[in-house]
Amino acid sequence: QWVQALQLFREMSDILVERSSITFSAAVSACEKGQQWVQALQLFREMADSRVERNSISYNAAVSACDKGAACVHLVLLFGEEASSL
């Protein structure tokens, strides 16, 4: 069902519905449940690119997706990029 969730999320911008931290986090979580850690991290990065504030829910969803995908090193690199931009 992660595919349908992601499709709905992508369609939001087509119908001019504003994407928020809630909708981004839900999409990241759907990818996590579908074991799609690459897609989850892309969405997590897209949050910053879209100037949507990340919160504890979005961080937890990204961490969980990487943990399930044994991709923690990618998450560490992403967090490192964020730390260096502060």
N, C-alpha and C. Protein backbone atom coordinates (compact mmCIF):
# COMPACT_ATOMS: atom_id res chain seq x y z
N GLN A 1 0.81 -1.21 0.00
CA GLN A 1 0.00 0.00 0.00
C GLN A 1 0.84 1.26 0.00
N TRP A 2 2.15 1.11 0.18
CA TRP A 2 3.01 2.28 0.18
C TRP A 2 2.97 2.97 -1.18
N VAL A 3 2.75 2.21 -2.24
CA VAL A 3 2.71 2.80 -3.58
C VAL A 3 1.52 3.76 -3.69
N GLN A 4 0.37 3.33 -3.21
CA GLN A 4 -0.82 4.18 -3.26
C GLN A 4 -0.64 5.42 -2.38
N ALA A 5 -0.05 5.24 -1.22
CA ALA A 5 0.19 6.38 -0.32
C ALA A 5 1.11 7.39 -0.97
N LEU A 6 2.15 6.92 -1.61
CA LEU A 6 3.10 7.81 -2.26
C LEU A 6 2.45 8.50 -3.46
N GLN A 7 1.65 7.77 -4.20
CA GLN A 7 0.96 8.36 -5.34
C GLN A 7 0.02 9.48 -4.88
N LEU A 8 -0.73 9.23 -3.83
CA LEU A 8 -1.62 10.26 -3.29
C LEU A 8 -0.83 11.47 -2.82
N PHE A 9 0.29 11.22 -2.16
CA PHE A 9 1.14 12.32 -1.69
C PHE A 9 1.62 13.16 -2.87
N ARG A 10 2.06 12.51 -3.94
CA ARG A 10 2.54 13.23 -5.13
C ARG A 10 1.41 14.01 -5.81
N GLU A 11 0.21 13.47 -5.78
CA GLU A 11 -0.92 14.15 -6.41
C GLU A 11 -1.36 15.39 -5.65
N MET A 12 -0.97 15.51 -4.40
CA MET A 12 -1.37 16.67 -3.60
C MET A 12 -0.94 17.97 -4.25
N SER A 13 0.29 18.01 -4.75
CA SER A 13 0.76 19.25 -5.36
C SER A 13 0.04 19.53 -6.68
N ASP A 14 -0.40 18.48 -7.37
CA ASP A 14 -1.13 18.65 -8.62
C ASP A 14 -2.47 19.34 -8.41
N ILE A 15 -3.09 19.09 -7.26
CA ILE A 15 -4.39 19.70 -6.98
C ILE A 15 -4.26 20.86 -5.99
N LEU A 16 -3.03 21.36 -5.87
CA LEU A 16 -2.72 22.55 -5.07
C LEU A 16 -3.04 22.40 -3.59
N VAL A 17 -2.85 21.20 -3.06
CA VAL A 17 -2.97 20.97 -1.63
C VAL A 17 -1.57 21.08 -1.04
N GLU A 18 -1.43 21.92 -0.04
CA GLU A 18 -0.12 22.15 0.56
C GLU A 18 0.35 20.91 1.33
N ARG A 19 1.58 20.53 1.06
CA ARG A 19 2.17 19.40 1.78
C ARG A 19 2.81 19.94 3.05
N SER A 20 2.62 19.24 4.14
CA SER A 20 3.08 19.69 5.45
C SER A 20 3.99 18.64 6.08
N SER A 21 4.46 18.93 7.27
CA SER A 21 5.28 17.96 7.98
C SER A 21 4.46 16.69 8.25
N ILE A 22 3.17 16.84 8.44
CA ILE A 22 2.31 15.68 8.69
C ILE A 22 2.23 14.79 7.46
N THR A 23 1.99 15.39 6.30
CA THR A 23 1.85 14.59 5.08
C THR A 23 3.19 14.00 4.64
N PHE A 24 4.26 14.77 4.79
CA PHE A 24 5.58 14.23 4.46
C PHE A 24 5.92 13.06 5.39
N SER A 25 5.67 13.23 6.68
CA SER A 25 5.98 12.17 7.64
C SER A 25 5.16 10.91 7.35
N ALA A 26 3.91 11.10 6.98
CA ALA A 26 3.06 9.95 6.64
C ALA A 26 3.61 9.22 5.41
N ALA A 27 4.08 9.98 4.43
CA ALA A 27 4.65 9.37 3.22
C ALA A 27 5.96 8.64 3.55
N VAL A 28 6.80 9.24 4.37
CA VAL A 28 8.05 8.59 4.78
C VAL A 28 7.73 7.30 5.54
N SER A 29 6.74 7.38 6.42
CA SER A 29 6.34 6.21 7.20
C SER A 29 5.78 5.10 6.30
N ALA A 30 5.01 5.48 5.29
CA ALA A 30 4.48 4.48 4.35
C ALA A 30 5.61 3.78 3.62
N CYS A 31 6.63 4.55 3.22
CA CYS A 31 7.79 3.95 2.56
C CYS A 31 8.53 3.02 3.51
N GLU A 32 8.62 3.43 4.76
CA GLU A 32 9.28 2.60 5.77
C GLU A 32 8.55 1.27 5.91
N LYS A 33 7.24 1.32 5.97
CA LYS A 33 6.45 0.09 6.11
C LYS A 33 6.57 -0.81 4.88
N GLY A 34 6.80 -0.18 3.72
CA GLY A 34 6.99 -0.94 2.49
C GLY A 34 8.44 -1.31 2.23
N GLN A 35 9.30 -1.05 3.22
CA GLN A 35 10.73 -1.35 3.14
C GLN A 35 11.40 -0.65 1.95
N GLN A 36 10.99 0.59 1.74
CA GLN A 36 11.53 1.40 0.65
C GLN A 36 12.37 2.53 1.24
N TRP A 37 13.53 2.16 1.83
CA TRP A 37 14.32 3.15 2.54
C TRP A 37 14.90 4.22 1.62
N VAL A 38 15.21 3.88 0.39
CA VAL A 38 15.74 4.88 -0.54
C VAL A 38 14.68 5.95 -0.79
N GLN A 39 13.48 5.53 -1.06
CA GLN A 39 12.37 6.47 -1.29
C GLN A 39 12.09 7.28 -0.03
N ALA A 40 12.16 6.64 1.13
CA ALA A 40 11.92 7.35 2.39
C ALA A 40 12.94 8.47 2.58
N LEU A 41 14.21 8.18 2.30
CA LEU A 41 15.24 9.21 2.45
C LEU A 41 15.09 10.31 1.41
N GLN A 42 14.65 9.97 0.22
CA GLN A 42 14.40 10.99 -0.79
C GLN A 42 13.30 11.95 -0.33
N LEU A 43 12.26 11.40 0.24
CA LEU A 43 11.19 12.24 0.77
C LEU A 43 11.67 13.09 1.94
N PHE A 44 12.47 12.49 2.80
CA PHE A 44 13.01 13.21 3.95
C PHE A 44 13.85 14.41 3.48
N ARG A 45 14.66 14.19 2.46
CA ARG A 45 15.47 15.28 1.90
C ARG A 45 14.57 16.30 1.20
N GLU A 46 13.53 15.82 0.53
CA GLU A 46 12.60 16.72 -0.15
C GLU A 46 11.90 17.65 0.82
N MET A 47 11.71 17.20 2.05
CA MET A 47 11.10 18.07 3.06
C MET A 47 11.92 19.34 3.21
N ALA A 48 13.22 19.21 3.33
CA ALA A 48 14.09 20.37 3.48
C ALA A 48 14.07 21.22 2.22
N ASP A 49 14.13 20.55 1.06
CA ASP A 49 14.10 21.28 -0.20
C ASP A 49 12.81 22.07 -0.37
N SER A 50 11.72 21.56 0.19
CA SER A 50 10.41 22.21 0.11
C SER A 50 10.19 23.19 1.26
N ARG A 51 11.19 23.33 2.09
CA ARG A 51 11.12 24.21 3.26
C ARG A 51 10.01 23.82 4.23
N VAL A 52 9.82 22.52 4.35
CA VAL A 52 8.87 21.98 5.33
C VAL A 52 9.69 21.55 6.54
N GLU A 53 9.30 22.04 7.69
CA GLU A 53 10.06 21.76 8.92
C GLU A 53 9.97 20.28 9.28
N ARG A 54 11.12 19.70 9.52
CA ARG A 54 11.17 18.32 9.99
C ARG A 54 10.95 18.31 11.50
N ASN A 55 10.27 17.28 11.96
CA ASN A 55 10.02 17.18 13.39
C ASN A 55 10.41 15.79 13.88
N SER A 56 10.13 15.53 15.13
CA SER A 56 10.54 14.23 15.69
C SER A 56 9.86 13.06 14.97
N ILE A 57 8.66 13.27 14.49
CA ILE A 57 7.96 12.20 13.79
C ILE A 57 8.65 11.89 12.46
N SER A 58 9.01 12.92 11.71
CA SER A 58 9.68 12.69 10.43
C SER A 58 11.07 12.09 10.62
N TYR A 59 11.79 12.57 11.65
CA TYR A 59 13.11 11.99 11.93
C TYR A 59 12.98 10.52 12.33
N ASN A 60 12.01 10.21 13.19
CA ASN A 60 11.82 8.81 13.61
C ASN A 60 11.45 7.91 12.45
N ALA A 61 10.60 8.41 11.55
CA ALA A 61 10.21 7.61 10.39
C ALA A 61 11.41 7.34 9.49
N ALA A 62 12.27 8.35 9.29
CA ALA A 62 13.47 8.17 8.47
C ALA A 62 14.44 7.19 9.12
N VAL A 63 14.63 7.33 10.42
CA VAL A 63 15.52 6.41 11.14
C VAL A 63 15.00 4.99 11.06
N SER A 64 13.70 4.82 11.25
CA SER A 64 13.11 3.49 11.20
C SER A 64 13.23 2.88 9.81
N ALA A 65 13.04 3.67 8.77
CA ALA A 65 13.17 3.17 7.40
C ALA A 65 14.59 2.69 7.13
N CYS A 66 15.56 3.46 7.58
CA CYS A 66 16.96 3.08 7.36
C CYS A 66 17.34 1.87 8.19
N ASP A 67 16.82 1.82 9.39
CA ASP A 67 17.10 0.68 10.25
C ASP A 67 16.59 -0.62 9.63
N LYS A 68 15.37 -0.58 9.12
CA LYS A 68 14.79 -1.77 8.50
C LYS A 68 15.50 -2.12 7.20
N GLY A 69 16.08 -1.13 6.55
CA GLY A 69 16.79 -1.38 5.30
C GLY A 69 18.27 -1.57 5.50
N ALA A 70 18.71 -1.65 6.74
CA ALA A 70 20.14 -1.79 7.06
C ALA A 70 20.95 -0.73 6.33
N ALA A 71 20.43 0.49 6.33
CA ALA A 71 21.06 1.58 5.60
C ALA A 71 21.39 2.75 6.52
N CYS A 72 21.75 2.45 7.73
CA CYS A 72 22.01 3.50 8.71
C CYS A 72 23.13 4.44 8.28
N VAL A 73 24.08 3.94 7.53
CA VAL A 73 25.18 4.80 7.09
C VAL A 73 24.66 5.94 6.21
N HIS A 74 23.63 5.70 5.43
CA HIS A 74 23.05 6.76 4.60
C HIS A 74 22.40 7.83 5.46
N LEU A 75 21.77 7.41 6.52
CA LEU A 75 21.14 8.35 7.42
C LEU A 75 22.19 9.19 8.14
N VAL A 76 23.27 8.57 8.55
CA VAL A 76 24.35 9.30 9.20
C VAL A 76 24.92 10.35 8.26
N LEU A 77 25.09 9.99 7.00
CA LEU A 77 25.58 10.95 6.01
C LEU A 77 24.61 12.10 5.83
N LEU A 78 23.32 11.80 5.77
CA LEU A 78 22.31 12.84 5.61
C LEU A 78 22.31 13.77 6.81
N PHE A 79 22.36 13.22 8.00
CA PHE A 79 22.39 14.06 9.20
C PHE A 79 23.69 14.88 9.25
N GLY A 80 24.76 14.31 8.77
CA GLY A 80 26.04 15.04 8.70
C GLY A 80 25.93 16.25 7.79
N GLU A 81 25.25 16.09 6.67
CA GLU A 81 25.04 17.20 5.74
C GLU A 81 24.27 18.32 6.43
N GLU A 82 23.25 17.94 7.20
CA GLU A 82 22.44 18.93 7.89
C GLU A 82 23.26 19.67 8.95
N ALA A 83 24.05 18.93 9.69
CA ALA A 83 24.86 19.54 10.76
C ALA A 83 25.85 20.54 10.18
N SER A 84 26.43 20.21 9.03
CA SER A 84 27.42 21.11 8.44
C SER A 84 26.79 22.36 7.85
N SER A 85 25.47 22.32 7.59
CA SER A 85 24.81 23.49 7.03
C SER A 85 24.32 24.45 8.12
N LEU A 86 24.45 24.07 9.39
CA LEU A 86 24.00 24.94 10.48
C LEU A 86 24.98 26.03 10.77
